[in-house]
Amino acid sequence: MIAIVYLSIVGILLTPITLILTKQVIYFNFNLLCLNFSSLKSLTEILHLTNQDLKYKTYIQNKQWTFALYELDKELNENYPINQLIQFNYAIGLILENNSYNHIATKYYNKVNN
């Protein structure tokens, strides 16, 4: 009788944890799948911009800051409209600020304001 109660309690406690972990794994794999699709060569510059936008946003969602900074820095060297470059600078500033690099983040924010 004690074993049945014990197993029931353990089952009740572990079921929500299992469901939450399963949900996180599915969410992570979905983001990784989107990242793989976005890494394919696009045919036009608009599709390229959309793919790159998705790529760095996926890195930010997964808190892979180094990869996100790398992608954003690559995009700063491309010829994009000024509003897109402002968005890239602002995203770099946010990442740096989240990682306590406030002095460097301020420089990127100043680029946005100028």
Protein backbone atom coordinates (compact mmCIF):
# COMPACT_ATOMS: atom_id res chain seq x y z
CA MET A 1 0.00 0.00 0.00
CA ILE A 2 2.82 2.42 0.87
CA ALA A 3 4.56 1.65 -2.43
CA ILE A 4 1.43 2.49 -4.43
CA VAL A 5 0.99 5.81 -2.59
CA TYR A 6 4.69 6.60 -3.02
CA LEU A 7 4.63 5.85 -6.74
CA SER A 8 1.43 7.87 -7.18
CA ILE A 9 2.96 10.90 -5.46
CA VAL A 10 6.17 10.61 -7.50
CA GLY A 11 4.10 10.30 -10.68
CA ILE A 12 2.04 13.37 -9.78
CA LEU A 13 5.20 15.38 -9.06
CA LEU A 14 7.12 14.30 -12.15
CA THR A 15 4.34 14.64 -14.73
CA PRO A 16 4.32 18.48 -14.86
CA ILE A 17 8.12 18.58 -14.92
CA THR A 18 8.16 16.12 -17.80
CA LEU A 19 5.55 18.12 -19.71
CA ILE A 20 7.43 21.40 -19.21
CA LEU A 21 10.73 19.88 -20.33
CA THR A 22 9.08 18.30 -23.36
CA LYS A 23 7.56 21.66 -24.30
CA GLN A 24 10.96 23.36 -23.99
CA VAL A 25 12.66 20.72 -26.14
CA ILE A 26 9.99 21.08 -28.84
CA TYR A 27 10.27 24.89 -28.72
CA PHE A 28 14.08 24.74 -28.94
CA ASN A 29 13.99 22.28 -31.86
CA PHE A 30 11.45 24.47 -33.67
CA ASN A 31 13.73 27.50 -33.29
CA LEU A 32 16.69 25.44 -34.45
CA LEU A 33 14.69 24.29 -37.48
CA CYS A 34 13.83 27.90 -38.31
CA LEU A 35 17.50 28.76 -37.95
CA ASN A 36 18.47 26.00 -40.36
CA PHE A 37 15.90 27.19 -42.90
CA SER A 38 17.09 30.76 -42.53
CA SER A 39 20.68 29.77 -43.25
CA LEU A 40 19.77 28.70 -46.80
CA LYS A 41 20.79 31.03 -49.62
CA SER A 42 17.96 33.34 -50.57
CA LEU A 43 17.19 34.54 -54.07
CA THR A 44 16.53 38.21 -53.40
CA GLU A 45 17.86 40.80 -50.99
CA ILE A 46 14.46 41.07 -49.28
CA LEU A 47 14.40 37.36 -48.53
CA HIS A 48 18.03 37.61 -47.41
CA LEU A 49 17.13 40.39 -44.99
CA THR A 50 14.18 38.41 -43.63
CA ASN A 51 16.34 35.32 -43.14
CA GLN A 52 19.10 37.27 -41.40
CA ASP A 53 16.54 39.01 -39.21
CA LEU A 54 15.13 35.62 -38.21
CA LYS A 55 18.60 34.22 -37.65
CA TYR A 56 19.80 36.80 -35.15
CA LYS A 57 16.41 36.90 -33.40
CA THR A 58 16.57 33.12 -32.93
CA TYR A 59 20.04 33.45 -31.44
CA ILE A 60 18.75 36.15 -29.07
CA GLN A 61 15.78 33.98 -28.03
CA ASN A 62 18.13 31.12 -27.24
CA LYS A 63 20.47 33.55 -25.41
CA GLN A 64 23.37 32.70 -27.69
CA TRP A 65 24.76 36.22 -27.41
CA THR A 66 28.04 35.66 -29.24
CA PHE A 67 26.35 34.24 -32.33
CA ALA A 68 23.75 37.03 -32.31
CA LEU A 69 26.47 39.69 -32.06
CA TYR A 70 28.40 38.04 -34.88
CA GLU A 71 25.36 38.01 -37.18
CA LEU A 72 24.43 41.59 -36.33
CA ASP A 73 28.00 42.80 -36.86
CA LYS A 74 28.08 41.10 -40.27
CA GLU A 75 24.87 42.89 -41.18
CA LEU A 76 26.31 46.28 -40.22
CA ASN A 77 28.88 45.88 -42.99
CA GLU A 78 26.21 45.30 -45.66
CA ASN A 79 24.41 47.98 -47.66
CA TYR A 80 21.01 48.23 -45.99
CA PRO A 81 18.61 51.15 -45.56
CA ILE A 82 19.41 53.44 -42.64
CA ASN A 83 16.39 52.29 -40.60
CA GLN A 84 17.58 48.68 -40.80
CA LEU A 85 21.10 49.67 -39.71
CA ILE A 86 19.58 51.57 -36.77
CA GLN A 87 17.70 48.42 -35.79
CA PHE A 88 20.92 46.37 -35.92
CA ASN A 89 22.79 48.94 -33.78
CA TYR A 90 19.96 49.01 -31.26
CA ALA A 91 19.88 45.19 -31.05
CA ILE A 92 23.65 45.10 -30.47
CA GLY A 93 23.26 47.71 -27.73
CA LEU A 94 20.53 45.67 -26.03
CA ILE A 95 22.64 42.50 -26.09
CA LEU A 96 25.65 44.30 -24.67
CA GLU A 97 23.53 45.95 -21.99
CA ASN A 98 22.02 42.59 -20.99
CA ASN A 99 25.54 41.25 -20.50
CA SER A 100 26.65 44.25 -18.39
CA TYR A 101 28.77 45.91 -21.07
CA ASN A 102 27.03 49.24 -20.52
CA HIS A 103 29.88 51.48 -21.72
CA ILE A 104 30.10 49.75 -25.10
CA ALA A 105 26.30 49.56 -25.35
CA THR A 106 26.14 53.33 -24.91
CA LYS A 107 28.33 53.77 -28.00
CA TYR A 108 25.90 51.72 -30.09
CA TYR A 109 22.93 53.64 -28.69
CA ASN A 110 24.69 56.90 -29.60
CA LYS A 111 25.03 55.65 -33.18
CA VAL A 112 21.26 55.15 -33.20
CA ASN A 113 20.60 58.68 -31.95
CA ASN A 114 22.99 60.34 -34.42
